[in-house]
Protein backbone atom coordinates (compact mmCIF):
# COMPACT_ATOMS: atom_id res chain seq x y z
CA UNK A 1 225.59 343.92 120.89
CA UNK A 2 222.72 346.04 119.62
CA UNK A 3 219.09 345.20 120.40
CA UNK A 4 215.88 346.37 118.75
CA UNK A 5 214.42 348.50 121.53
CA UNK A 6 211.01 348.14 123.08
CA UNK A 7 209.92 351.48 121.60
CA UNK A 8 210.96 350.46 118.10
CA UNK A 9 209.17 347.13 118.46
CA UNK A 10 206.00 348.94 119.51
CA UNK A 11 206.33 351.30 116.56
CA UNK A 12 206.94 348.36 114.23
CA UNK A 13 203.87 346.53 115.52
CA UNK A 14 201.68 349.60 115.02
CA UNK A 15 202.96 350.34 111.51
CA UNK A 16 202.64 346.72 110.41
CA UNK A 17 199.03 346.57 111.57
CA UNK A 18 198.21 349.68 109.54
CA UNK A 19 200.11 349.07 106.30
CA UNK A 20 200.75 345.38 105.71
CA UNK A 21 199.06 342.27 104.36
CA UNK A 22 197.07 340.30 106.88
CA UNK A 23 199.44 337.34 106.64
CA UNK A 24 202.46 339.50 107.49
CA UNK A 25 200.64 341.04 110.45
CA UNK A 26 199.73 337.55 111.63
CA UNK A 27 203.34 336.38 111.26
CA UNK A 28 204.59 339.28 113.36
CA UNK A 29 201.92 338.80 116.01
CA UNK A 30 202.72 335.10 116.30
CA UNK A 31 206.42 335.86 116.63
CA UNK A 32 205.83 338.42 119.36
CA UNK A 33 203.50 335.91 121.06
CA UNK A 34 200.41 338.08 120.95
CA UNK A 35 198.63 335.52 118.73
CA UNK A 36 198.72 331.70 118.81
CA UNK A 37 200.38 330.01 115.84
CA UNK A 38 197.06 328.58 114.62
CA UNK A 39 196.22 331.95 113.10
CA UNK A 40 198.82 331.25 110.41
CA UNK A 41 196.70 328.33 109.21
CA UNK A 42 193.67 330.53 108.60
CA UNK A 43 195.86 333.04 106.76
CA UNK A 44 197.41 330.42 104.49
CA UNK A 45 194.01 329.01 103.57
CA UNK A 46 193.38 332.19 101.58
CA UNK A 47 196.30 331.30 99.29
CA UNK A 48 195.74 327.54 98.91
CA UNK A 49 194.25 326.33 95.65
CA UNK A 50 191.83 323.47 95.04
CA UNK A 51 194.71 321.33 93.75
CA UNK A 52 196.34 321.56 97.19
CA UNK A 53 199.17 323.85 96.20
CA UNK A 54 199.65 327.56 96.80
CA UNK A 55 199.55 330.60 94.53
CA UNK A 56 197.69 333.91 94.53
CA UNK A 57 200.77 336.05 95.29
CA UNK A 58 201.61 334.41 98.60
CA UNK A 59 205.13 335.21 97.47
CA UNK A 60 204.61 338.84 96.56
CA UNK A 61 206.72 338.96 93.39
CA UNK A 62 204.50 336.50 91.54
CA UNK A 63 200.87 337.44 90.89
CA UNK A 64 200.07 334.14 89.17
CA UNK A 65 197.06 332.63 90.99
CA UNK A 66 198.02 329.12 89.86
CA UNK A 67 200.02 326.73 92.00
CA UNK A 68 203.80 326.67 91.74
CA UNK A 69 206.40 324.77 93.74
CA UNK A 70 207.96 328.03 94.89
CA UNK A 71 204.69 329.23 96.40
CA UNK A 72 204.35 325.91 98.25
CA UNK A 73 207.85 326.47 99.61
CA UNK A 74 206.79 329.87 100.91
CA UNK A 75 203.77 328.36 102.67
CA UNK A 76 205.90 325.63 104.28
CA UNK A 77 208.53 328.19 105.30
CA UNK A 78 205.89 330.19 107.15
CA UNK A 79 204.58 327.07 108.86
CA UNK A 80 208.11 326.23 109.93
CA UNK A 81 209.07 329.59 111.41
CA UNK A 82 205.78 329.82 113.30
CA UNK A 83 206.47 326.52 115.05
CA UNK A 84 204.64 323.74 113.24
CA UNK A 85 206.09 320.22 112.96
CA UNK A 86 205.04 316.57 113.09
CA UNK A 87 203.97 317.03 116.71
CA UNK A 88 201.31 319.52 115.63
CA UNK A 89 197.90 317.86 115.41
CA UNK A 90 195.60 320.74 114.48
CA UNK A 91 193.08 319.43 111.96
CA UNK A 92 193.54 322.37 109.62
CA UNK A 93 197.33 322.03 109.68
CA UNK A 94 197.14 318.34 108.77
CA UNK A 95 194.66 319.14 105.99
CA UNK A 96 196.89 321.88 104.56
CA UNK A 97 200.11 319.86 104.51
CA UNK A 98 198.43 316.69 103.21
CA UNK A 99 196.92 318.55 100.26
CA UNK A 100 200.21 320.29 99.53
CA UNK A 101 202.11 317.02 99.91
CA UNK A 102 199.79 315.32 97.46
CA UNK A 103 200.41 318.06 94.93
CA UNK A 104 204.20 317.88 95.33
CA UNK A 105 204.72 314.15 95.43
CA UNK A 106 201.93 312.93 93.15
CA UNK A 107 201.39 315.72 90.64
CA UNK A 108 204.77 317.42 90.18
CA UNK A 109 207.33 316.03 87.78
CA UNK A 110 210.83 315.48 89.09
CA UNK A 111 213.73 316.02 86.72
CA UNK A 112 217.10 314.85 88.02
CA UNK A 113 215.52 314.67 91.49
CA UNK A 114 214.54 318.37 91.39
CA UNK A 115 211.20 320.16 91.10
CA UNK A 116 210.97 323.13 88.77
CA UNK A 117 210.03 326.06 91.06
CA UNK A 118 208.25 327.87 88.22
CA UNK A 119 205.34 327.29 85.84
CA UNK A 120 204.72 328.43 82.28
CA UNK A 121 201.49 330.33 83.01
CA UNK A 122 203.36 332.93 85.09
CA UNK A 123 204.17 334.75 81.84
CA UNK A 124 200.49 335.77 81.67
CA UNK A 125 200.57 337.61 85.03
CA UNK A 126 202.62 340.38 86.63
CA UNK A 127 205.82 338.87 88.04
CA UNK A 128 209.51 339.20 88.77
CA UNK A 129 211.56 337.79 85.90
CA UNK A 130 213.11 335.16 88.18
CA UNK A 131 209.73 333.40 88.20
CA UNK A 132 209.60 332.88 84.44
CA UNK A 133 209.90 329.24 83.45
CA UNK A 134 213.17 329.04 81.54
CA UNK A 135 216.52 327.28 81.69
CA UNK A 136 218.34 330.33 83.06
CA UNK A 137 216.11 330.50 86.13
CA UNK A 138 216.13 326.75 86.58
CA UNK A 139 219.92 326.81 86.75
CA UNK A 140 219.90 329.82 89.08
CA UNK A 141 217.53 328.20 91.59
CA UNK A 142 219.42 324.91 91.39
CA UNK A 143 218.45 322.71 94.35
CA UNK A 144 216.10 325.38 95.70
CA UNK A 145 213.39 325.06 96.84
CA UNK A 146 213.44 321.27 96.38
CA UNK A 147 215.96 320.66 99.17
CA UNK A 148 214.02 322.90 101.56
CA UNK A 149 210.72 321.22 100.75
CA UNK A 150 212.18 317.76 101.31
CA UNK A 151 213.42 318.89 104.71
CA UNK A 152 210.05 320.38 105.60
CA UNK A 153 208.35 317.14 104.55
CA UNK A 154 210.54 315.13 106.91
CA UNK A 155 209.84 317.65 109.68
CA UNK A 156 206.08 317.96 109.12
CA UNK A 157 204.95 314.43 108.28
CA UNK A 158 204.78 311.26 110.33
CA UNK A 159 207.32 308.67 109.20
CA UNK A 160 204.49 306.31 108.21
CA UNK A 161 203.27 308.70 105.50
CA UNK A 162 204.11 307.98 101.88
CA UNK A 163 205.30 311.58 101.44
CA UNK A 164 207.81 311.13 104.25
CA UNK A 165 209.20 307.95 102.68
CA UNK A 166 209.50 309.59 99.27
CA UNK A 167 211.20 312.62 100.81
CA UNK A 168 213.74 310.47 102.65
CA UNK A 169 214.81 308.83 99.40
CA UNK A 170 215.00 312.21 97.70
CA UNK A 171 217.06 313.62 100.57
CA UNK A 172 219.74 310.97 100.18
CA UNK A 173 220.06 311.72 96.46
CA UNK A 174 220.00 315.50 96.94
CA UNK A 175 222.84 315.33 99.44
CA UNK A 176 224.97 313.43 96.93
CA UNK A 177 224.10 315.95 94.20
CA UNK A 178 225.09 318.89 96.39
CA UNK A 179 228.30 317.29 97.65
CA UNK A 180 229.39 316.77 94.03
CA UNK A 181 228.36 320.26 92.93
CA UNK A 182 231.22 322.68 92.24
CA UNK A 183 229.34 325.74 90.95
CA UNK A 184 226.73 326.71 93.52
CA UNK A 185 224.33 329.64 93.74
CA UNK A 186 223.04 331.40 96.81
CA UNK A 187 219.73 329.61 96.31
CA UNK A 188 221.46 326.23 96.61
CA UNK A 189 222.92 327.33 99.93
CA UNK A 190 219.65 328.75 101.27
CA UNK A 191 217.99 325.42 100.58
CA UNK A 192 220.76 323.28 102.09
CA UNK A 193 220.74 325.44 105.21
CA UNK A 194 216.96 325.05 105.52
CA UNK A 195 217.20 321.28 105.01
CA UNK A 196 219.84 320.84 107.71
CA UNK A 197 217.78 322.91 110.13
CA UNK A 198 214.72 320.76 109.44
CA UNK A 199 216.40 317.39 109.97
CA UNK A 200 219.04 318.17 112.61
CA UNK A 201 216.89 316.93 115.49
CA UNK A 202 215.35 313.96 113.64
CA UNK A 203 218.35 311.63 113.74
CA UNK A 204 218.34 311.15 109.97
CA UNK A 205 221.20 310.70 107.49
CA UNK A 206 223.81 311.09 110.22
CA UNK A 207 226.55 309.59 108.08
CA UNK A 208 226.21 312.39 105.52
CA UNK A 209 225.23 315.47 107.51
CA UNK A 210 228.75 316.37 108.66
CA UNK A 211 230.00 316.50 105.08
CA UNK A 212 226.90 318.47 104.10
CA UNK A 213 227.51 321.03 106.87
CA UNK A 214 231.19 321.40 106.06
CA UNK A 215 230.57 322.02 102.37
CA UNK A 216 227.75 324.46 103.15
CA UNK A 217 230.00 326.53 105.41
CA UNK A 218 232.86 326.50 102.88
CA UNK A 219 230.56 327.48 100.00
CA UNK A 220 228.81 330.17 102.02
CA UNK A 221 232.05 331.87 103.05
CA UNK A 222 233.26 331.74 99.44
CA UNK A 223 230.09 333.40 98.11
CA UNK A 224 230.21 336.01 100.88
CA UNK A 225 233.77 336.88 99.85
CA UNK A 226 232.55 337.24 96.26
CA UNK A 227 229.63 339.41 97.46
CA UNK A 228 227.15 336.92 95.98
CA UNK A 229 225.30 336.26 99.23
CA UNK A 230 224.74 338.09 102.50
CA UNK A 231 225.60 336.35 105.80
CA UNK A 232 222.02 336.50 107.08
CA UNK A 233 220.63 334.79 103.99
CA UNK A 234 222.06 331.60 105.51
CA UNK A 235 220.24 331.58 108.81
CA UNK A 236 220.85 328.38 110.71
CA UNK A 237 224.24 326.75 110.16
CA UNK A 238 226.78 327.46 112.92
CA UNK A 239 230.37 328.52 112.27
CA UNK A 240 232.60 330.95 114.15
CA UNK A 241 233.55 333.09 111.16
CA UNK A 242 230.06 333.04 109.72
CA UNK A 243 228.55 333.84 113.12
CA UNK A 244 230.86 336.85 113.43
CA UNK A 245 229.80 338.14 110.02
CA UNK A 246 226.15 337.67 110.96
CA UNK A 247 226.61 339.66 114.17
CA UNK A 248 227.84 342.66 112.20
CA UNK A 249 224.96 342.34 109.76
CA UNK A 250 222.46 342.12 112.61
CA UNK A 251 223.82 345.40 113.98
CA UNK A 252 223.36 346.95 110.54
CA UNK A 253 219.86 345.51 110.30
CA UNK A 254 218.85 347.16 113.56
CA UNK A 255 220.38 350.45 112.42
CA UNK A 256 218.54 350.15 109.10
CA UNK A 257 214.99 350.44 110.40
CA UNK A 258 213.49 353.63 108.98
CA UNK A 259 211.95 356.61 110.76
CA UNK A 260 208.49 355.44 109.67
CA UNK A 261 208.95 352.38 111.87
CA UNK A 262 209.62 349.63 109.30
CA UNK A 263 212.35 348.49 106.93
CA UNK A 264 212.21 349.82 103.39
CA UNK A 265 212.23 347.75 100.20
CA UNK A 266 213.26 348.98 96.75
CA UNK A 267 214.15 345.93 94.67
CA UNK A 268 213.20 345.68 91.00
CA UNK A 269 211.38 342.94 89.11
CA UNK A 270 213.81 343.49 86.24
CA UNK A 271 211.30 344.08 83.46
CA UNK A 272 209.74 347.56 83.97
CA UNK A 273 206.42 346.66 82.37
CA UNK A 274 204.00 345.88 85.20
CA UNK A 275 202.30 348.69 87.14
CA UNK A 276 201.64 346.12 89.88
CA UNK A 277 205.32 346.28 90.80
CA UNK A 278 204.69 349.51 92.74
CA UNK A 279 202.03 347.87 94.91
CA UNK A 280 204.25 344.79 95.31
CA UNK A 281 207.05 346.97 96.68
CA UNK A 282 204.67 348.44 99.23
CA UNK A 283 203.59 344.95 100.28
CA UNK A 284 207.22 343.90 100.56
CA UNK A 285 207.82 346.55 103.21
CA UNK A 286 205.50 344.67 105.55
CA UNK A 287 206.77 341.24 104.62
CA UNK A 288 210.45 342.21 104.93
CA UNK A 289 209.75 343.85 108.28
CA UNK A 290 208.00 340.77 109.68
CA UNK A 291 210.77 338.49 108.42
CA UNK A 292 213.50 340.77 109.78
CA UNK A 293 211.73 340.60 113.12
CA UNK A 294 211.99 336.80 112.90
CA UNK A 295 215.75 337.06 112.31
CA UNK A 296 216.18 339.39 115.27
CA UNK A 297 214.13 337.10 117.47
CA UNK A 298 216.02 334.00 116.34
CA UNK A 299 219.36 335.64 117.13
CA UNK A 300 218.08 337.10 120.43
CA UNK A 301 218.45 340.70 119.31
CA UNK A 302 215.15 341.96 120.75
CA UNK A 303 214.88 343.97 123.93
CA UNK A 304 212.61 341.94 126.17
CA UNK A 305 209.15 343.30 126.85
CA UNK A 306 205.58 342.05 126.85
CA UNK A 307 202.96 343.78 124.80
CA UNK A 308 200.01 344.87 126.89
CA UNK A 309 196.43 344.78 125.66
CA UNK A 310 193.41 346.71 126.87
């Protein structure tokens, strides 16, 4: 089993600090335990809008400053992987999630129990085409990020909160929708995986979770066989065959770090009309590197060491 060596981790830390967005540096430093998780709250505040939601290119491929459901998902994902939950009582954390919860559950329209991840105004800003508000993208995203956000709500909020109660009702319906769904996309599976991870220790919906897990594993293996999803895009669900595929991909991930100390990123927005795409790709190098570090930490693929400070 390959590990990311101490020397490569040091190199990664140094390169991230020089070349990446502040929020990606903070994420890495929280994960390597050189910063407390509360620093993520200060970083996210820079992306939170007055309406309580998130925008402002928190997710790098969308330069729209206005709030969208997908940008709220990205904020909640970062809170989750840095260790926040309903047992976190930091005043700023509670303020952030309450404002975001109010936007989601009181201001966003649900259609067939799903939030549209995108908003119409994105067309006026540089963006990846997947963030345009149209029926093609709505079908592609499917249950994502609604399912993830419902799981995060149940994980983040006290069960006395109105948002928690709304989320619990939504969760029951979303499970039924997914269990009946024959044609799934990788985004469906990413969201189901996130949801299960959020609620697995909460004792909720026990009568349905086994069926949800079984279908997720079956669908994931099918899409992997069709080369429509990579094993590591589904992070949390356990399965012997899936775990074996992940182990190989983790080896490849470790081998894939570049000589300049980070992972490269060369995806396309699919429209070739925004000069901002070049700067977005540079920002993605830092974000991908910090998130790959999270994967390696989660799967215990890091050589153990403790960063020393002078």
